């Protein structure tokens, strides 16, 4: 029985796929990019491995394509015939190849000789030649598929390299080329207009040190967060102490008066040589006035020492996502809008460096969500940066959506930052209770007030609030931190 699936994977087993991967990796521009960063090298290898697996499956399906499926079916019927049936129907078989098979002309010539057709080995010879022709056609089709796929892969890799080099000019937090996740995001091609737009946002952020301080401060909070059951405990432990002692005979340090016969100076034994002086020796012995060698050394002893011990609890909390909620109402146009977009850009850089997710939620009369760190996150970021602010402010809808989002397990140890002019009423008590419950999962709520007229009662639900607007002399004022 002819196995079309097995025939389809023959090319993969021949090693041509591995050769194609090596050929791609040896391209000079890609080699330089891979050697510039271990993270990018790892990301490139991951992309090539994924491409190889997908292509292998794609090539194995080539025999199932319509142009080959019919001929393979005809071939299977031919090899299952006995010699007599084959000789009777061989002309019909050849005519069936006329429309679609490269083997047709050769099959026509093989059947022209009537004497050859009567040979008992004719069927075997005919089918073997047919199989070789069919196999050659399949290999050519697979090689064509391989070349097309490889060309598309190279175009994608070159595009990522070009985009990554353009983004390197915009980096604020460390070297963007060392961030492997950015390689995944660099699939889209930047137009000149989009590049200028990103450059304007990056420059605006660089010129506003206060916005950078906010982004960096929020980024540190997840690292400082300890589990709720993290406690310090005092514990007594035995410790080996070293101290000086005269009972140890390590070194002779002098001479002193004592009654120790074992350390007696030789001159003291002269009293025992004369009977009349023997009484003097015993008197010195009783009075502890015999001259002895004074010895000293170090000895070790165990003693109890009180130490602080960290109570064993869950491991250090992984860093959760950034969620940046931006008020896109009409009152946020101008300077507040530019600040909001620049801060989102800064948090995206930190999220990429720390391998955290970063989301932007635009709220006014409706909610729009962007995920800036997924594979097409750069396109999402460009779409967000080109969004024009308009509409009203509905912060209650935002809080309800954020609460629902933060109830997911992956939002443990996450940060919500709300940028708004806070010209809105305070939220209802029901929402305040839900916010308090969300914070108990080691989550933090921050706010940046971009107006002088924000509602103070609305901002009391946040752990930290920064005032940042043109009317302040230094732009940035940290108003309070309820966490401290």
Foldseek 3Di string as FASTA:
>chain_A
DDDLLVLQLVVVVVCVLVVLLVVLCPDVLNVVLCVVAVLQVVLVVVVSVVLSVVLSVVSSCLCVDPLNVVVVVLLVVLVPDALVVCLVCVVVSLVVCVPRFPCNVVSVVLVPDPVLSPDNCSSVVSSVVVVVRSSVVSVVVSVVVVVVSSVVVSVQQVQLSVQLVLCQVLADPPGSSHQNLSSLQRRDHDDPVLSVLSNVLSVVLVVQVQLLVVLVVQLCLLVPDDDPPKDKDKDKDKDKDKDKDQVDAPDFDAKFFALDPVFADPVLCVLVVDPVSVVVSVVSNVVSGGIGGGGMDMDIDIDIDMDMDIDDDDPRDQAEAEEEEEELAPVCPDPNLSSSLSSLVSNLSSCSVSVYWYKYWYDAPDIDIATLRPSNNVVSSSVVSPDHGHHHHDVQVVLVVVLVVLVDPRNQNYEYEYEDLQPDDAHDPVSLVSLVVSVSSNYFYEYEHAHPPHDVNNPPSHQWYWYAYDVDPSRTDTDHGVVD
